[in-house]
Amino acid sequence: MNQALITDIQLPRELGKSLEFNSARLKREKNQLIIEAISEYLEKLNRSSLSEEARRQSISASGQSHFSDEIWENNMDDTDWRE
């Protein structure tokens, strides 16, 4: 059986109302929506971290002290990890 971590959170009133409204609207448990939202957010953070690390390594490997964001974004290959 998959063990779960139980934690308490405090939500701002408007966020809590939105969670309850959308839970009822979608006929899904609030817990499911919270898990999905946290999972998606953490995946985006991970992709961002991968991009930053790839950028750092590209700059280091190029021997340049400065790489403009435009050059980086136009030349990076992120086909395997971007949505």
C-alpha atoms as a PDB file:
ATOM      1  CA  MET A   1       0.000   0.000   0.000  1.00  0.00           C
ATOM      2  CA  ASN A   2       1.233   3.486  -0.864  1.00  0.00           C
ATOM      3  CA  GLN A   3       1.844   5.473   2.296  1.00  0.00           C
ATOM      4  CA  ALA A   4       0.709   9.074   2.330  1.00  0.00           C
ATOM      5  CA  LEU A   5       2.126  12.083   4.101  1.00  0.00           C
ATOM      6  CA  ILE A   6      -0.559  13.908   6.009  1.00  0.00           C
ATOM      7  CA  THR A   7      -0.091  17.631   6.386  1.00  0.00           C
ATOM      8  CA  ASP A   8      -2.170  20.650   7.323  1.00  0.00           C
ATOM      9  CA  ILE A   9      -2.239  23.775   5.199  1.00  0.00           C
ATOM     10  CA  GLN A  10      -3.848  27.157   5.593  1.00  0.00           C
ATOM     11  CA  LEU A  11      -5.253  28.689   2.442  1.00  0.00           C
ATOM     12  CA  PRO A  12      -6.174  32.306   1.905  1.00  0.00           C
ATOM     13  CA  ARG A  13      -9.956  32.590   2.059  1.00  0.00           C
ATOM     14  CA  GLU A  14     -10.408  33.291  -1.672  1.00  0.00           C
ATOM     15  CA  LEU A  15      -8.191  30.369  -2.685  1.00  0.00           C
ATOM     16  CA  GLY A  16     -10.124  28.078  -0.356  1.00  0.00           C
ATOM     17  CA  LYS A  17     -13.425  29.254  -1.829  1.00  0.00           C
ATOM     18  CA  SER A  18     -12.107  28.665  -5.337  1.00  0.00           C
ATOM     19  CA  LEU A  19     -10.918  25.186  -4.352  1.00  0.00           C
ATOM     20  CA  GLU A  20     -14.312  24.286  -2.906  1.00  0.00           C
ATOM     21  CA  PHE A  21     -16.183  25.740  -5.898  1.00  0.00           C
ATOM     22  CA  ASN A  22     -14.056  23.893  -8.439  1.00  0.00           C
ATOM     23  CA  SER A  23     -14.105  20.673  -6.450  1.00  0.00           C
ATOM     24  CA  ALA A  24     -17.916  20.705  -6.535  1.00  0.00           C
ATOM     25  CA  ARG A  25     -18.031  21.833 -10.166  1.00  0.00           C
ATOM     26  CA  LEU A  26     -15.695  19.067 -11.309  1.00  0.00           C
ATOM     27  CA  LYS A  27     -17.174  16.507  -8.879  1.00  0.00           C
ATOM     28  CA  ARG A  28     -13.677  15.732  -7.603  1.00  0.00           C
ATOM     29  CA  GLU A  29     -12.227  15.638  -4.121  1.00  0.00           C
ATOM     30  CA  LYS A  30     -10.385  18.745  -2.942  1.00  0.00           C
ATOM     31  CA  ASN A  31      -7.449  16.503  -2.059  1.00  0.00           C
ATOM     32  CA  GLN A  32      -7.186  15.349  -5.694  1.00  0.00           C
ATOM     33  CA  LEU A  33      -7.105  18.930  -6.956  1.00  0.00           C
ATOM     34  CA  ILE A  34      -4.481  19.931  -4.399  1.00  0.00           C
ATOM     35  CA  ILE A  35      -2.269  16.940  -5.280  1.00  0.00           C
ATOM     36  CA  GLU A  36      -2.536  17.677  -9.011  1.00  0.00           C
ATOM     37  CA  ALA A  37      -1.799  21.381  -8.519  1.00  0.00           C
ATOM     38  CA  ILE A  38       1.262  20.721  -6.351  1.00  0.00           C
ATOM     39  CA  SER A  39       2.528  18.033  -8.729  1.00  0.00           C
ATOM     40  CA  GLU A  40       2.220  20.310 -11.772  1.00  0.00           C
ATOM     41  CA  TYR A  41       3.903  23.189  -9.947  1.00  0.00           C
ATOM     42  CA  LEU A  42       6.828  21.024  -8.822  1.00  0.00           C
ATOM     43  CA  GLU A  43       7.264  19.625 -12.351  1.00  0.00           C
ATOM     44  CA  LYS A  44       7.488  23.186 -13.684  1.00  0.00           C
ATOM     45  CA  LEU A  45      10.055  24.058 -11.020  1.00  0.00           C
ATOM     46  CA  ASN A  46      12.093  21.010 -11.987  1.00  0.00           C
ATOM     47  CA  ARG A  47      11.972  21.910 -15.694  1.00  0.00           C
ATOM     48  CA  SER A  48      13.028  25.451 -14.824  1.00  0.00           C
ATOM     49  CA  SER A  49      15.929  24.116 -12.746  1.00  0.00           C
ATOM     50  CA  LEU A  50      16.989  21.859 -15.630  1.00  0.00           C
ATOM     51  CA  SER A  51      16.919  24.810 -18.009  1.00  0.00           C
ATOM     52  CA  GLU A  52      18.988  26.970 -15.655  1.00  0.00           C
ATOM     53  CA  GLU A  53      21.555  24.203 -15.169  1.00  0.00           C
ATOM     54  CA  ALA A  54      21.772  23.535 -18.909  1.00  0.00           C
ATOM     55  CA  ARG A  55      22.264  27.261 -19.503  1.00  0.00           C
ATOM     56  CA  ARG A  56      25.005  27.427 -16.855  1.00  0.00           C
ATOM     57  CA  GLN A  57      26.801  24.448 -18.365  1.00  0.00           C
ATOM     58  CA  SER A  58      26.483  25.847 -21.899  1.00  0.00           C
ATOM     59  CA  ILE A  59      28.023  29.132 -20.827  1.00  0.00           C
ATOM     60  CA  SER A  60      30.793  27.305 -18.987  1.00  0.00           C
ATOM     61  CA  ALA A  61      31.512  24.990 -21.942  1.00  0.00           C
ATOM     62  CA  SER A  62      31.548  27.876 -24.399  1.00  0.00           C
ATOM     63  CA  GLY A  63      34.287  29.652 -22.476  1.00  0.00           C
ATOM     64  CA  GLN A  64      32.298  32.875 -22.695  1.00  0.00           C
ATOM     65  CA  SER A  65      31.658  34.968 -19.654  1.00  0.00           C
ATOM     66  CA  HIS A  66      28.327  36.227 -20.998  1.00  0.00           C
ATOM     67  CA  PHE A  67      25.626  34.559 -23.019  1.00  0.00           C
ATOM     68  CA  SER A  68      22.560  36.636 -23.788  1.00  0.00           C
ATOM     69  CA  ASP A  69      19.178  35.155 -22.913  1.00  0.00           C
ATOM     70  CA  GLU A  70      18.065  35.601 -26.521  1.00  0.00           C
ATOM     71  CA  ILE A  71      21.013  33.585 -27.874  1.00  0.00           C
ATOM     72  CA  TRP A  72      20.425  30.898 -25.246  1.00  0.00           C
ATOM     73  CA  GLU A  73      16.675  30.593 -25.919  1.00  0.00           C
ATOM     74  CA  ASN A  74      17.124  30.528 -29.694  1.00  0.00           C
ATOM     75  CA  ASN A  75      19.837  27.859 -29.651  1.00  0.00           C
ATOM     76  CA  MET A  76      18.950  25.506 -26.803  1.00  0.00           C
ATOM     77  CA  ASP A  77      17.605  22.035 -27.508  1.00  0.00           C
ATOM     78  CA  ASP A  78      14.896  21.295 -25.006  1.00  0.00           C
ATOM     79  CA  THR A  79      12.796  18.917 -27.079  1.00  0.00           C
ATOM     80  CA  ASP A  80      13.012  16.098 -24.557  1.00  0.00           C
ATOM     81  CA  TRP A  81      11.944  18.013 -21.445  1.00  0.00           C
ATOM     82  CA  ARG A  82       9.589  20.796 -22.477  1.00  0.00           C
ATOM     83  CA  GLU A  83       5.833  20.444 -22.861  1.00  0.00           C
END
